[in-house]
PDB file of N, CA and C in Angstrom:
ATOM      1  N   MET A   1     -53.085  64.629-140.300  1.00  0.00           N
ATOM      2  CA  MET A   1     -51.727  64.899-139.922  1.00  0.00           C
ATOM      3  C   MET A   1     -51.008  65.520-141.118  1.00  0.00           C
ATOM      4  N   SER A   2     -50.482  66.697-140.964  1.00  0.00           N
ATOM      5  CA  SER A   2     -49.759  67.374-142.035  1.00  0.00           C
ATOM      6  C   SER A   2     -48.304  66.959-142.030  1.00  0.00           C
ATOM      7  N   HIS A   3     -47.675  67.066-143.187  1.00  0.00           N
ATOM      8  CA  HIS A   3     -46.254  66.790-143.259  1.00  0.00           C
ATOM      9  C   HIS A   3     -45.625  67.644-144.342  1.00  0.00           C
ATOM     10  N   HIS A   4     -44.323  67.735-144.321  1.00  0.00           N
ATOM     11  CA  HIS A   4     -43.574  68.576-145.238  1.00  0.00           C
ATOM     12  C   HIS A   4     -42.354  67.791-145.690  1.00  0.00           C
ATOM     13  N   HIS A   5     -41.987  67.907-146.943  1.00  0.00           N
ATOM     14  CA  HIS A   5     -40.868  67.135-147.474  1.00  0.00           C
ATOM     15  C   HIS A   5     -39.697  68.055-147.835  1.00  0.00           C
ATOM     16  N   TYR A   6     -38.512  67.680-147.448  1.00  0.00           N
ATOM     17  CA  TYR A   6     -37.277  68.334-147.863  1.00  0.00           C
ATOM     18  C   TYR A   6     -36.290  67.245-148.223  1.00  0.00           C
ATOM     19  N   TRP A   7     -35.576  67.451-149.288  1.00  0.00           N
ATOM     20  CA  TRP A   7     -34.574  66.481-149.706  1.00  0.00           C
ATOM     21  C   TRP A   7     -33.238  67.171-149.853  1.00  0.00           C
ATOM     22  N   SER A   8     -32.185  66.441-149.621  1.00  0.00           N
ATOM     23  CA  SER A   8     -30.838  66.945-149.879  1.00  0.00           C
ATOM     24  C   SER A   8     -29.955  65.760-150.224  1.00  0.00           C
ATOM     25  N   THR A   9     -28.822  66.041-150.805  1.00  0.00           N
ATOM     26  CA  THR A   9     -27.904  64.984-151.185  1.00  0.00           C
ATOM     27  C   THR A   9     -26.472  65.415-150.922  1.00  0.00           C
ATOM     28  N   LEU A  10     -25.689  64.521-150.367  1.00  0.00           N
ATOM     29  CA  LEU A  10     -24.259  64.769-150.193  1.00  0.00           C
ATOM     30  C   LEU A  10     -23.452  64.064-151.271  1.00  0.00           C
ATOM     31  N   VAL A  11     -24.051  63.106-151.962  1.00  0.00           N
ATOM     32  CA  VAL A  11     -23.331  62.327-152.972  1.00  0.00           C
ATOM     33  C   VAL A  11     -22.972  63.208-154.160  1.00  0.00           C
ATOM     34  N   GLN A  12     -23.885  64.042-154.602  1.00  0.00           N
ATOM     35  CA  GLN A  12     -23.626  64.949-155.712  1.00  0.00           C
ATOM     36  C   GLN A  12     -22.773  66.111-155.202  1.00  0.00           C
ATOM     37  N   ARG A  13     -22.432  67.001-156.068  1.00  0.00           N
ATOM     38  CA  ARG A  13     -21.617  68.155-155.689  1.00  0.00           C
ATOM     39  C   ARG A  13     -22.503  69.330-155.280  1.00  0.00           C
ATOM     40  N   PHE A  14     -23.743  69.069-154.956  1.00  0.00           N
ATOM     41  CA  PHE A  14     -24.653  70.129-154.546  1.00  0.00           C
ATOM     42  C   PHE A  14     -25.626  69.593-153.500  1.00  0.00           C
ATOM     43  N   LEU A  15     -26.268  70.509-152.820  1.00  0.00           N
ATOM     44  CA  LEU A  15     -27.343  70.207-151.874  1.00  0.00           C
ATOM     45  C   LEU A  15     -28.594  70.877-152.414  1.00  0.00           C
ATOM     46  N   PHE A  16     -29.745  70.364-152.049  1.00  0.00           N
ATOM     47  CA  PHE A  16     -30.971  71.054-152.460  1.00  0.00           C
ATOM     48  C   PHE A  16     -32.075  70.862-151.448  1.00  0.00           C
ATOM     49  N   ILE A  17     -32.967  71.830-151.442  1.00  0.00           N
ATOM     50  CA  ILE A  17     -34.197  71.772-150.658  1.00  0.00           C
ATOM     51  C   ILE A  17     -35.335  71.916-151.656  1.00  0.00           C
ATOM     52  N   ASN A  18     -36.253  70.977-151.618  1.00  0.00           N
ATOM     53  CA  ASN A  18     -37.331  70.917-152.589  1.00  0.00           C
ATOM     54  C   ASN A  18     -38.649  71.287-151.913  1.00  0.00           C
ATOM     55  N   ARG A  19     -39.203  72.436-152.294  1.00  0.00           N
ATOM     56  CA  ARG A  19     -40.499  72.862-151.747  1.00  0.00           C
ATOM     57  C   ARG A  19     -41.645  72.570-152.708  1.00  0.00           C
ATOM     58  N   THR A  20     -41.386  71.887-153.815  1.00  0.00           N
ATOM     59  CA  THR A  20     -42.460  71.628-154.777  1.00  0.00           C
ATOM     60  C   THR A  20     -43.477  70.638-154.241  1.00  0.00           C
ATOM     61  N   LYS A  21     -43.112  69.853-153.232  1.00  0.00           N
ATOM     62  CA  LYS A  21     -44.023  68.866-152.673  1.00  0.00           C
ATOM     63  C   LYS A  21     -44.484  69.267-151.267  1.00  0.00           C
ATOM     64  N   ALA A  22     -44.491  70.544-150.998  1.00  0.00           N
ATOM     65  CA  ALA A  22     -44.945  71.062-149.702  1.00  0.00           C
ATOM     66  C   ALA A  22     -46.467  71.090-149.708  1.00  0.00           C
ATOM     67  N   HIS A  23     -47.070  69.948-149.498  1.00  0.00           N
ATOM     68  CA  HIS A  23     -48.511  69.762-149.675  1.00  0.00           C
ATOM     69  C   HIS A  23     -49.369  70.675-148.818  1.00  0.00           C
ATOM     70  N   ALA A  24     -48.979  70.941-147.609  1.00  0.00           N
ATOM     71  CA  ALA A  24     -49.875  71.646-146.698  1.00  0.00           C
ATOM     72  C   ALA A  24     -49.557  73.129-146.573  1.00  0.00           C
ATOM     73  N   GLY A  25     -48.527  73.593-147.249  1.00  0.00           N
ATOM     74  CA  GLY A  25     -48.115  74.979-147.069  1.00  0.00           C
ATOM     75  C   GLY A  25     -48.732  75.945-148.051  1.00  0.00           C
ATOM     76  N   GLN A  26     -48.677  77.209-147.711  1.00  0.00           N
ATOM     77  CA  GLN A  26     -49.159  78.277-148.575  1.00  0.00           C
ATOM     78  C   GLN A  26     -48.030  78.693-149.510  1.00  0.00           C
ATOM     79  N   SER A  27     -48.269  78.669-150.813  1.00  0.00           N
ATOM     80  CA  SER A  27     -47.236  79.059-151.772  1.00  0.00           C
ATOM     81  C   SER A  27     -47.804  79.814-152.964  1.00  0.00           C
ATOM     82  N   GLY A  28     -49.109  80.051-152.996  1.00  0.00           N
ATOM     83  CA  GLY A  28     -49.740  80.682-154.136  1.00  0.00           C
ATOM     84  C   GLY A  28     -49.429  82.157-154.314  1.00  0.00           C
ATOM     85  N   PHE A  29     -48.777  82.789-153.357  1.00  0.00           N
ATOM     86  CA  PHE A  29     -48.481  84.216-153.441  1.00  0.00           C
ATOM     87  C   PHE A  29     -47.384  84.523-154.454  1.00  0.00           C
ATOM     88  N   ASN A  30     -46.591  83.508-154.853  1.00  0.00           N
ATOM     89  CA  ASN A  30     -45.523  83.704-155.833  1.00  0.00           C
ATOM     90  C   ASN A  30     -45.273  82.382-156.545  1.00  0.00           C
ATOM     91  N   PRO A  31     -45.323  82.345-157.885  1.00  0.00           N
ATOM     92  CA  PRO A  31     -45.164  81.074-158.602  1.00  0.00           C
ATOM     93  C   PRO A  31     -43.783  80.436-158.416  1.00  0.00           C
ATOM     94  N   GLY A  32     -42.775  81.216-158.076  1.00  0.00           N
ATOM     95  CA  GLY A  32     -41.434  80.670-157.888  1.00  0.00           C
ATOM     96  C   GLY A  32     -41.157  80.169-156.482  1.00  0.00           C
ATOM     97  N   PHE A  33     -42.076  80.430-155.552  1.00  0.00           N
ATOM     98  CA  PHE A  33     -41.817  80.066-154.155  1.00  0.00           C
ATOM     99  C   PHE A  33     -41.726  78.562-153.953  1.00  0.00           C
ATOM    100  N   ALA A  34     -42.626  77.810-154.549  1.00  0.00           N
ATOM    101  CA  ALA A  34     -42.640  76.347-154.371  1.00  0.00           C
ATOM    102  C   ALA A  34     -41.681  75.698-155.363  1.00  0.00           C
ATOM    103  N   GLY A  35     -40.429  76.080-155.307  1.00  0.00           N
ATOM    104  CA  GLY A  35     -39.422  75.555-156.227  1.00  0.00           C
ATOM    105  C   GLY A  35     -38.347  74.775-155.506  1.00  0.00           C
ATOM    106  N   ILE A  36     -37.237  74.580-156.183  1.00  0.00           N
ATOM    107  CA  ILE A  36     -36.089  73.861-155.636  1.00  0.00           C
ATOM    108  C   ILE A  36     -34.938  74.850-155.510  1.00  0.00           C
ATOM    109  N   ALA A  37     -34.350  74.927-154.322  1.00  0.00           N
ATOM    110  CA  ALA A  37     -33.189  75.787-154.073  1.00  0.00           C
ATOM    111  C   ALA A  37     -31.948  74.915-154.008  1.00  0.00           C
ATOM    112  N   TYR A  38     -30.865  75.362-154.637  1.00  0.00           N
ATOM    113  CA  TYR A  38     -29.619  74.600-154.697  1.00  0.00           C
ATOM    114  C   TYR A  38     -28.489  75.377-154.038  1.00  0.00           C
ATOM    115  N   ALA A  39     -27.523  74.646-153.493  1.00  0.00           N
ATOM    116  CA  ALA A  39     -26.299  75.241-152.957  1.00  0.00           C
ATOM    117  C   ALA A  39     -25.146  74.301-153.294  1.00  0.00           C
ATOM    118  N   PRO A  40     -23.971  74.844-153.611  1.00  0.00           N
ATOM    119  CA  PRO A  40     -22.829  73.973-153.926  1.00  0.00           C
ATOM    120  C   PRO A  40     -22.311  73.271-152.677  1.00  0.00           C
ATOM    121  N   ARG A  41     -21.821  72.086-152.860  1.00  0.00           N
ATOM    122  CA  ARG A  41     -21.146  71.365-151.778  1.00  0.00           C
ATOM    123  C   ARG A  41     -19.668  71.714-151.871  1.00  0.00           C
ATOM    124  N   LEU A  42     -19.108  72.292-150.823  1.00  0.00           N
ATOM    125  CA  LEU A  42     -17.787  72.893-150.868  1.00  0.00           C
ATOM    126  C   LEU A  42     -16.675  71.992-150.341  1.00  0.00           C
ATOM    127  N   THR A  43     -16.831  70.691-150.466  1.00  0.00           N
ATOM    128  CA  THR A  43     -15.796  69.754-150.064  1.00  0.00           C
ATOM    129  C   THR A  43     -15.700  68.662-151.117  1.00  0.00           C
ATOM    130  N   SER A  44     -14.552  68.018-151.177  1.00  0.00           N
ATOM    131  CA  SER A  44     -14.385  66.908-152.126  1.00  0.00           C
ATOM    132  C   SER A  44     -14.579  65.552-151.445  1.00  0.00           C
ATOM    133  N   ALA A  45     -14.873  65.558-150.154  1.00  0.00           N
ATOM    134  CA  ALA A  45     -15.071  64.313-149.409  1.00  0.00           C
ATOM    135  C   ALA A  45     -16.294  63.561-149.937  1.00  0.00           C
ATOM    136  N   LEU A  46     -16.227  62.242-149.941  1.00  0.00           N
ATOM    137  CA  LEU A  46     -17.345  61.427-150.390  1.00  0.00           C
ATOM    138  C   LEU A  46     -18.421  61.290-149.322  1.00  0.00           C
ATOM    139  N   SER A  47     -18.045  61.378-148.059  1.00  0.00           N
ATOM    140  CA  SER A  47     -19.017  61.303-146.974  1.00  0.00           C
ATOM    141  C   SER A  47     -19.038  62.651-146.257  1.00  0.00           C
ATOM    142  N   GLY A  48     -20.012  62.825-145.403  1.00  0.00           N
ATOM    143  CA  GLY A  48     -20.095  64.076-144.672  1.00  0.00           C
ATOM    144  C   GLY A  48     -21.201  64.038-143.656  1.00  0.00           C
ATOM    145  N   ASP A  49     -21.335  65.120-142.945  1.00  0.00           N
ATOM    146  CA  ASP A  49     -22.384  65.213-141.947  1.00  0.00           C
ATOM    147  C   ASP A  49     -23.446  66.181-142.443  1.00  0.00           C
ATOM    148  N   LEU A  50     -24.647  65.977-141.967  1.00  0.00           N
ATOM    149  CA  LEU A  50     -25.774  66.813-142.359  1.00  0.00           C
ATOM    150  C   LEU A  50     -26.596  67.097-141.104  1.00  0.00           C
ATOM    151  N   LYS A  51     -26.850  68.362-140.832  1.00  0.00           N
ATOM    152  CA  LYS A  51     -27.648  68.752-139.676  1.00  0.00           C
ATOM    153  C   LYS A  51     -28.824  69.577-140.174  1.00  0.00           C
ATOM    154  N   LEU A  52     -30.025  69.198-139.752  1.00  0.00           N
ATOM    155  CA  LEU A  52     -31.236  69.933-140.085  1.00  0.00           C
ATOM    156  C   LEU A  52     -31.803  70.545-138.811  1.00  0.00           C
ATOM    157  N   VAL A  53     -32.139  71.808-138.877  1.00  0.00           N
ATOM    158  CA  VAL A  53     -32.818  72.484-137.777  1.00  0.00           C
ATOM    159  C   VAL A  53     -34.177  72.903-138.328  1.00  0.00           C
ATOM    160  N   VAL A  54     -35.230  72.341-137.756  1.00  0.00           N
ATOM    161  CA  VAL A  54     -36.583  72.563-138.265  1.00  0.00           C
ATOM    162  C   VAL A  54     -37.424  73.191-137.158  1.00  0.00           C
ATOM    163  N   ASP A  55     -38.135  74.264-137.513  1.00  0.00           N
ATOM    164  CA  ASP A  55     -39.098  74.824-136.570  1.00  0.00           C
ATOM    165  C   ASP A  55     -40.444  74.964-137.266  1.00  0.00           C
ATOM    166  N   ALA A  56     -41.327  75.777-136.746  1.00  0.00           N
ATOM    167  CA  ALA A  56     -42.699  75.856-137.251  1.00  0.00           C
ATOM    168  C   ALA A  56     -42.805  76.427-138.663  1.00  0.00           C
ATOM    169  N   SER A  57     -41.795  77.182-139.130  1.00  0.00           N
ATOM    170  CA  SER A  57     -41.910  77.786-140.460  1.00  0.00           C
ATOM    171  C   SER A  57     -40.594  77.866-141.229  1.00  0.00           C
ATOM    172  N   SER A  58     -39.585  77.123-140.809  1.00  0.00           N
ATOM    173  CA  SER A  58     -38.327  77.151-141.552  1.00  0.00           C
ATOM    174  C   SER A  58     -37.537  75.862-141.342  1.00  0.00           C
ATOM    175  N   VAL A  59     -36.618  75.646-142.260  1.00  0.00           N
ATOM    176  CA  VAL A  59     -35.666  74.557-142.127  1.00  0.00           C
ATOM    177  C   VAL A  59     -34.294  75.116-142.472  1.00  0.00           C
ATOM    178  N   GLU A  60     -33.303  74.758-141.674  1.00  0.00           N
ATOM    179  CA  GLU A  60     -31.925  75.146-141.960  1.00  0.00           C
ATOM    180  C   GLU A  60     -31.121  73.877-142.138  1.00  0.00           C
ATOM    181  N   LEU A  61     -30.294  73.852-143.159  1.00  0.00           N
ATOM    182  CA  LEU A  61     -29.496  72.687-143.499  1.00  0.00           C
ATOM    183  C   LEU A  61     -28.023  73.079-143.379  1.00  0.00           C
ATOM    184  N   PHE A  62     -27.272  72.332-142.593  1.00  0.00           N
ATOM    185  CA  PHE A  62     -25.844  72.554-142.418  1.00  0.00           C
ATOM    186  C   PHE A  62     -25.132  71.272-142.862  1.00  0.00           C
ATOM    187  N   ALA A  63     -24.265  71.373-143.851  1.00  0.00           N
ATOM    188  CA  ALA A  63     -23.550  70.201-144.345  1.00  0.00           C
ATOM    189  C   ALA A  63     -22.046  70.388-144.170  1.00  0.00           C
ATOM    190  N   ASP A  64     -21.367  69.272-143.983  1.00  0.00           N
ATOM    191  CA  ASP A  64     -19.898  69.279-143.908  1.00  0.00           C
ATOM    192  C   ASP A  64     -19.395  70.278-142.876  1.00  0.00           C
ATOM    193  N   GLN A  65     -19.942  70.185-141.679  1.00  0.00           N
ATOM    194  CA  GLN A  65     -19.578  71.024-140.539  1.00  0.00           C
ATOM    195  C   GLN A  65     -19.736  72.516-140.848  1.00  0.00           C
ATOM    196  N   GLY A  66     -20.775  72.839-141.613  1.00  0.00           N
ATOM    197  CA  GLY A  66     -21.096  74.230-141.880  1.00  0.00           C
ATOM    198  C   GLY A  66     -20.462  74.830-143.124  1.00  0.00           C
ATOM    199  N   LEU A  67     -19.735  74.057-143.919  1.00  0.00           N
ATOM    200  CA  LEU A  67     -19.173  74.596-145.159  1.00  0.00           C
ATOM    201  C   LEU A  67     -20.272  74.984-146.143  1.00  0.00           C
ATOM    202  N   SER A  68     -21.336  74.215-146.181  1.00  0.00           N
ATOM    203  CA  SER A  68     -22.497  74.532-147.020  1.00  0.00           C
ATOM    204  C   SER A  68     -23.702  74.692-146.107  1.00  0.00           C
ATOM    205  N   VAL A  69     -24.434  75.789-146.291  1.00  0.00           N
ATOM    206  CA  VAL A  69     -25.573  76.107-145.426  1.00  0.00           C
ATOM    207  C   VAL A  69     -26.726  76.594-146.295  1.00  0.00           C
ATOM    208  N   MET A  70     -27.943  76.159-145.960  1.00  0.00           N
ATOM    209  CA  MET A  70     -29.143  76.626-146.655  1.00  0.00           C
ATOM    210  C   MET A  70     -30.234  76.912-145.623  1.00  0.00           C
ATOM    211  N   THR A  71     -31.074  77.889-145.923  1.00  0.00           N
ATOM    212  CA  THR A  71     -32.244  78.185-145.113  1.00  0.00           C
ATOM    213  C   THR A  71     -33.442  78.290-146.040  1.00  0.00           C
ATOM    214  N   SER A  72     -34.547  77.717-145.633  1.00  0.00           N
ATOM    215  CA  SER A  72     -35.751  77.764-146.447  1.00  0.00           C
ATOM    216  C   SER A  72     -36.959  78.021-145.556  1.00  0.00           C
ATOM    217  N   LEU A  73     -37.786  78.955-145.962  1.00  0.00           N
ATOM    218  CA  LEU A  73     -39.018  79.271-145.233  1.00  0.00           C
ATOM    219  C   LEU A  73     -40.195  78.534-145.845  1.00  0.00           C
ATOM    220  N   PHE A  74     -41.190  78.264-145.047  1.00  0.00           N
ATOM    221  CA  PHE A  74     -42.453  77.730-145.530  1.00  0.00           C
ATOM    222  C   PHE A  74     -43.552  78.281-144.635  1.00  0.00           C
ATOM    223  N   PHE A  75     -44.753  78.257-145.147  1.00  0.00           N
ATOM    224  CA  PHE A  75     -45.880  78.872-144.449  1.00  0.00           C
ATOM    225  C   PHE A  75     -47.010  77.859-144.318  1.00  0.00           C
ATOM    226  N   PRO A  76     -46.941  77.021-143.291  1.00  0.00           N
ATOM    227  CA  PRO A  76     -47.958  75.972-143.131  1.00  0.00           C
ATOM    228  C   PRO A  76     -49.313  76.551-142.731  1.00  0.00           C
ATOM    229  N   ARG A  77     -50.342  75.861-143.137  1.00  0.00           N
ATOM    230  CA  ARG A  77     -51.697  76.249-142.739  1.00  0.00           C
ATOM    231  C   ARG A  77     -51.999  75.797-141.314  1.00  0.00           C
ATOM    232  N   LYS A  78     -51.306  74.750-140.867  1.00  0.00           N
ATOM    233  CA  LYS A  78     -51.387  74.286-139.481  1.00  0.00           C
ATOM    234  C   LYS A  78     -50.042  73.662-139.126  1.00  0.00           C
ATOM    235  N   LEU A  79     -49.800  73.457-137.843  1.00  0.00           N
ATOM    236  CA  LEU A  79     -48.511  72.926-137.400  1.00  0.00           C
ATOM    237  C   LEU A  79     -48.279  71.516-137.936  1.00  0.00           C
ATOM    238  N   TYR A  80     -47.056  71.252-138.303  1.00  0.00           N
ATOM    239  CA  TYR A  80     -46.696  69.922-138.791  1.00  0.00           C
ATOM    240  C   TYR A  80     -46.535  68.964-137.624  1.00  0.00           C
ATOM    241  N   GLN A  81     -46.915  67.722-137.859  1.00  0.00           N
ATOM    242  CA  GLN A  81     -46.840  66.690-136.834  1.00  0.00           C
ATOM    243  C   GLN A  81     -45.807  65.620-137.177  1.00  0.00           C
ATOM    244  N   GLN A  82     -45.211  65.700-138.358  1.00  0.00           N
ATOM    245  CA  GLN A  82     -44.387  64.613-138.847  1.00  0.00           C
ATOM    246  C   GLN A  82     -43.235  65.171-139.674  1.00  0.00           C
ATOM    247  N   LEU A  83     -42.079  64.543-139.549  1.00  0.00           N
ATOM    248  CA  LEU A  83     -40.913  64.850-140.377  1.00  0.00           C
ATOM    249  C   LEU A  83     -40.511  63.561-141.074  1.00  0.00           C
ATOM    250  N   ILE A  84     -40.413  63.608-142.396  1.00  0.00           N
ATOM    251  CA  ILE A  84     -40.059  62.426-143.174  1.00  0.00           C
ATOM    252  C   ILE A  84     -38.682  62.656-143.786  1.00  0.00           C
ATOM    253  N   LEU A  85     -37.750  61.780-143.491  1.00  0.00           N
ATOM    254  CA  LEU A  85     -36.410  61.844-144.075  1.00  0.00           C
ATOM    255  C   LEU A  85     -36.267  60.720-145.089  1.00  0.00           C
ATOM    256  N   LYS A  86     -35.801  61.059-146.281  1.00  0.00           N
ATOM    257  CA  LYS A  86     -35.571  60.060-147.313  1.00  0.00           C
ATOM    258  C   LYS A  86     -34.134  60.175-147.773  1.00  0.00           C
ATOM    259  N   THR A  87     -33.552  59.041-148.126  1.00  0.00           N
ATOM    260  CA  THR A  87     -32.191  59.029-148.648  1.00  0.00           C
ATOM    261  C   THR A  87     -32.189  58.373-150.018  1.00  0.00           C
ATOM    262  N   SER A  88     -31.155  58.672-150.778  1.00  0.00           N
ATOM    263  CA  SER A  88     -31.025  58.029-152.079  1.00  0.00           C
ATOM    264  C   SER A  88     -30.487  56.613-151.890  1.00  0.00           C
ATOM    265  N   LYS A  89     -30.682  55.788-152.892  1.00  0.00           N
ATOM    266  CA  LYS A  89     -30.236  54.399-152.833  1.00  0.00           C
ATOM    267  C   LYS A  89     -28.723  54.358-152.593  1.00  0.00           C
ATOM    268  N   GLY A  90     -28.321  53.536-151.663  1.00  0.00           N
ATOM    269  CA  GLY A  90     -26.900  53.406-151.351  1.00  0.00           C
ATOM    270  C   GLY A  90     -26.409  54.332-150.254  1.00  0.00           C
ATOM    271  N   THR A  91     -27.246  55.266-149.822  1.00  0.00           N
ATOM    272  CA  THR A  91     -26.861  56.174-148.754  1.00  0.00           C
ATOM    273  C   THR A  91     -26.986  55.456-147.418  1.00  0.00           C
ATOM    274  N   VAL A  92     -25.976  55.597-146.595  1.00  0.00           N
ATOM    275  CA  VAL A  92     -25.967  54.973-145.276  1.00  0.00           C
ATOM    276  C   VAL A  92     -26.039  56.068-144.223  1.00  0.00           C
ATOM    277  N   VAL A  93     -27.035  55.981-143.363  1.00  0.00           N
ATOM    278  CA  VAL A  93     -27.157  56.897-142.226  1.00  0.00           C
ATOM    279  C   VAL A  93     -26.517  56.198-141.039  1.00  0.00           C
ATOM    280  N   LYS A  94     -25.387  56.730-140.586  1.00  0.00           N
ATOM    281  CA  LYS A  94     -24.668  56.098-139.481  1.00  0.00           C
ATOM    282  C   LYS A  94     -25.205  56.514-138.126  1.00  0.00           C
ATOM    283  N   GLN A  95     -25.754  57.716-138.040  1.00  0.00           N
ATOM    284  CA  GLN A  95     -26.278  58.195-136.774  1.00  0.00           C
ATOM    285  C   GLN A  95     -27.394  59.197-137.047  1.00  0.00           C
ATOM    286  N   LEU A  96     -28.469  59.103-136.295  1.00  0.00           N
ATOM    287  CA  LEU A  96     -29.578  60.038-136.380  1.00  0.00           C
ATOM    288  C   LEU A  96     -29.930  60.454-134.961  1.00  0.00           C
ATOM    289  N   VAL A  97     -29.866  61.757-134.715  1.00  0.00           N
ATOM    290  CA  VAL A  97     -30.166  62.285-133.390  1.00  0.00           C
ATOM    291  C   VAL A  97     -31.280  63.322-133.538  1.00  0.00           C
ATOM    292  N   LEU A  98     -32.349  63.153-132.781  1.00  0.00           N
ATOM    293  CA  LEU A  98     -33.435  64.129-132.742  1.00  0.00           C
ATOM    294  C   LEU A  98     -33.360  64.859-131.408  1.00  0.00           C
ATOM    295  N   THR A  99     -33.250  66.173-131.472  1.00  0.00           N
ATOM    296  CA  THR A  99     -33.142  66.980-130.261  1.00  0.00           C
ATOM    297  C   THR A  99     -34.254  68.017-130.260  1.00  0.00           C
ATOM    298  N   PRO A 100     -35.220  67.902-129.357  1.00  0.00           N
ATOM    299  CA  PRO A 100     -36.279  68.922-129.294  1.00  0.00           C
ATOM    300  C   PRO A 100     -35.681  70.270-128.892  1.00  0.00           C
ATOM    301  N   MET A 101     -36.207  71.309-129.504  1.00  0.00           N
ATOM    302  CA  MET A 101     -35.762  72.660-129.163  1.00  0.00           C
ATOM    303  C   MET A 101     -36.760  73.277-128.198  1.00  0.00           C
ATOM    304  N   LYS A 102     -36.260  74.054-127.267  1.00  0.00           N
ATOM    305  CA  LYS A 102     -37.145  74.746-126.350  1.00  0.00           C
ATOM    306  C   LYS A 102     -37.688  75.984-127.013  1.00  0.00           C
ATOM    307  N   THR A 103     -38.911  76.334-126.704  1.00  0.00           N
ATOM    308  CA  THR A 103     -39.525  77.518-127.252  1.00  0.00           C
ATOM    309  C   THR A 103     -38.937  78.772-126.604  1.00  0.00           C
ATOM    310  N   ILE A 104     -38.904  79.844-127.368  1.00  0.00           N
ATOM    311  CA  ILE A 104     -38.448  81.114-126.790  1.00  0.00           C
ATOM    312  C   ILE A 104     -39.632  81.946-126.325  1.00  0.00           C
ATOM    313  N   TRP A 105     -40.846  81.453-126.556  1.00  0.00           N
ATOM    314  CA  TRP A 105     -42.053  82.203-126.211  1.00  0.00           C
ATOM    315  C   TRP A 105     -42.600  81.776-124.886  1.00  0.00           C
TER     316      TRP A 105
END
């Protein structure tokens, strides 16, 4: 069973997507591809919402009702079967909704 890891944080003043631990994906074509991408968090609120849209080769992160947005591509060798969400200590997840997307093919 393959899996892929992405992390982000709302507590800090930035969000990030970490591809350095993308165990099953192809990244050897460029040494900088399996890195960490950062985006500023554009609100001063201590709490916020986070929406992830994940498909077969990308993840999109929407924070604070779209004020901060990130997109990251990955190239898996086979389809992923698992999504692992991790939070930092003290983070409270008040609601988690998983919504399957319909294929366009």
